[in-house]
């Protein structure tokens, strides 16, 4: 989830004890995930709580990922 979207939705973020490196879909050539949070996802017939890493995404607000797609 982009940090901009997390701020707009006023979601509570939690600081990670160990930052995670990220190289794809972020602004800049290299970034780290320092925060994460759990949010309620409601789309069509899907209602669940899902964990998101908060990063500076370029051109995206949210990336659901293959795990979410396989489970839903």
C-alpha atoms as a PDB file:
ATOM      1  CA  UNK A   1       0.000   0.000   0.000  1.00  0.00           C
ATOM      2  CA  UNK A   2       1.296   3.432  -0.804  1.00  0.00           C
ATOM      3  CA  UNK A   3       2.140   5.683   2.108  1.00  0.00           C
ATOM      4  CA  UNK A   4      -0.083   8.339   0.510  1.00  0.00           C
ATOM      5  CA  UNK A   5      -3.145   6.052   0.537  1.00  0.00           C
ATOM      6  CA  UNK A   6      -2.482   4.996   4.138  1.00  0.00           C
ATOM      7  CA  UNK A   7      -2.379   8.656   5.175  1.00  0.00           C
ATOM      8  CA  UNK A   8      -5.535   9.514   3.191  1.00  0.00           C
ATOM      9  CA  UNK A   9      -7.450   6.640   4.809  1.00  0.00           C
ATOM     10  CA  UNK A  10      -6.027   7.571   8.244  1.00  0.00           C
ATOM     11  CA  UNK A  11      -4.938   4.000   8.935  1.00  0.00           C
ATOM     12  CA  UNK A  12      -2.818   3.168  11.973  1.00  0.00           C
ATOM     13  CA  UNK A  13       0.578   1.926  10.903  1.00  0.00           C
ATOM     14  CA  UNK A  14       2.980  -0.115  12.992  1.00  0.00           C
ATOM     15  CA  UNK A  15       6.755   0.190  12.779  1.00  0.00           C
ATOM     16  CA  UNK A  16       8.514  -3.029  11.768  1.00  0.00           C
ATOM     17  CA  UNK A  17      11.310  -4.264  14.010  1.00  0.00           C
ATOM     18  CA  UNK A  18      13.387  -5.239  10.955  1.00  0.00           C
ATOM     19  CA  UNK A  19      13.025  -3.139   7.768  1.00  0.00           C
ATOM     20  CA  UNK A  20      12.482  -5.157   4.577  1.00  0.00           C
ATOM     21  CA  UNK A  21      14.273  -4.276   1.304  1.00  0.00           C
ATOM     22  CA  UNK A  22      12.139  -3.615  -1.809  1.00  0.00           C
ATOM     23  CA  UNK A  23      13.365  -3.047  -5.348  1.00  0.00           C
ATOM     24  CA  UNK A  24      10.281  -3.171  -7.597  1.00  0.00           C
ATOM     25  CA  UNK A  25       7.338  -0.755  -7.982  1.00  0.00           C
ATOM     26  CA  UNK A  26       8.833   1.883  -5.654  1.00  0.00           C
ATOM     27  CA  UNK A  27       9.970   5.456  -6.168  1.00  0.00           C
ATOM     28  CA  UNK A  28      13.734   5.499  -6.422  1.00  0.00           C
ATOM     29  CA  UNK A  29      16.007   2.586  -7.239  1.00  0.00           C
ATOM     30  CA  UNK A  30      15.939   1.009  -3.772  1.00  0.00           C
ATOM     31  CA  UNK A  31      13.620   1.380  -0.808  1.00  0.00           C
ATOM     32  CA  UNK A  32      12.849  -0.256   2.522  1.00  0.00           C
ATOM     33  CA  UNK A  33       9.575  -1.164   4.183  1.00  0.00           C
ATOM     34  CA  UNK A  34       9.589   0.415   7.632  1.00  0.00           C
ATOM     35  CA  UNK A  35       5.856   0.234   8.427  1.00  0.00           C
ATOM     36  CA  UNK A  36       2.945  -2.157   8.006  1.00  0.00           C
ATOM     37  CA  UNK A  37      -0.718  -2.335   8.940  1.00  0.00           C
ATOM     38  CA  UNK A  38      -3.847  -4.439   8.744  1.00  0.00           C
ATOM     39  CA  UNK A  39      -6.896  -3.082   6.932  1.00  0.00           C
ATOM     40  CA  UNK A  40     -10.389  -4.327   6.175  1.00  0.00           C
ATOM     41  CA  UNK A  41     -10.794  -5.251   2.512  1.00  0.00           C
ATOM     42  CA  UNK A  42     -14.313  -5.175   1.049  1.00  0.00           C
ATOM     43  CA  UNK A  43     -14.736  -5.880  -2.660  1.00  0.00           C
ATOM     44  CA  UNK A  44     -17.742  -7.594  -4.260  1.00  0.00           C
ATOM     45  CA  UNK A  45     -18.155 -10.761  -2.110  1.00  0.00           C
ATOM     46  CA  UNK A  46     -14.744 -10.458  -0.374  1.00  0.00           C
ATOM     47  CA  UNK A  47     -14.710  -9.275   3.250  1.00  0.00           C
ATOM     48  CA  UNK A  48     -11.458  -9.818   5.156  1.00  0.00           C
ATOM     49  CA  UNK A  49      -8.704  -8.226   7.205  1.00  0.00           C
ATOM     50  CA  UNK A  50      -5.444  -8.151   5.247  1.00  0.00           C
ATOM     51  CA  UNK A  51      -1.905  -7.136   6.168  1.00  0.00           C
ATOM     52  CA  UNK A  52      -0.173  -4.544   3.974  1.00  0.00           C
ATOM     53  CA  UNK A  53       3.385  -3.230   3.936  1.00  0.00           C
ATOM     54  CA  UNK A  54       3.481   0.557   3.577  1.00  0.00           C
ATOM     55  CA  UNK A  55       5.940   1.782   0.947  1.00  0.00           C
ATOM     56  CA  UNK A  56       6.437   4.668  -1.484  1.00  0.00           C
ATOM     57  CA  UNK A  57       4.801   3.084  -4.528  1.00  0.00           C
ATOM     58  CA  UNK A  58       5.180   4.758  -7.893  1.00  0.00           C
ATOM     59  CA  UNK A  59       2.025   4.834 -10.066  1.00  0.00           C
ATOM     60  CA  UNK A  60       0.006   2.539  -7.737  1.00  0.00           C
ATOM     61  CA  UNK A  61      -2.090   2.991  -4.606  1.00  0.00           C
ATOM     62  CA  UNK A  62      -2.255  -0.674  -3.694  1.00  0.00           C
ATOM     63  CA  UNK A  63      -0.810  -3.995  -4.832  1.00  0.00           C
ATOM     64  CA  UNK A  64      -2.798  -7.018  -3.623  1.00  0.00           C
ATOM     65  CA  UNK A  65      -0.298  -9.719  -4.587  1.00  0.00           C
ATOM     66  CA  UNK A  66      -0.593 -13.335  -5.615  1.00  0.00           C
ATOM     67  CA  UNK A  67      -1.359 -14.696  -2.120  1.00  0.00           C
ATOM     68  CA  UNK A  68      -4.472 -12.495  -1.872  1.00  0.00           C
ATOM     69  CA  UNK A  69      -5.547 -13.434  -5.399  1.00  0.00           C
ATOM     70  CA  UNK A  70      -5.118 -17.179  -4.760  1.00  0.00           C
ATOM     71  CA  UNK A  71      -7.052 -17.056  -1.485  1.00  0.00           C
ATOM     72  CA  UNK A  72      -9.886 -14.956  -2.887  1.00  0.00           C
END
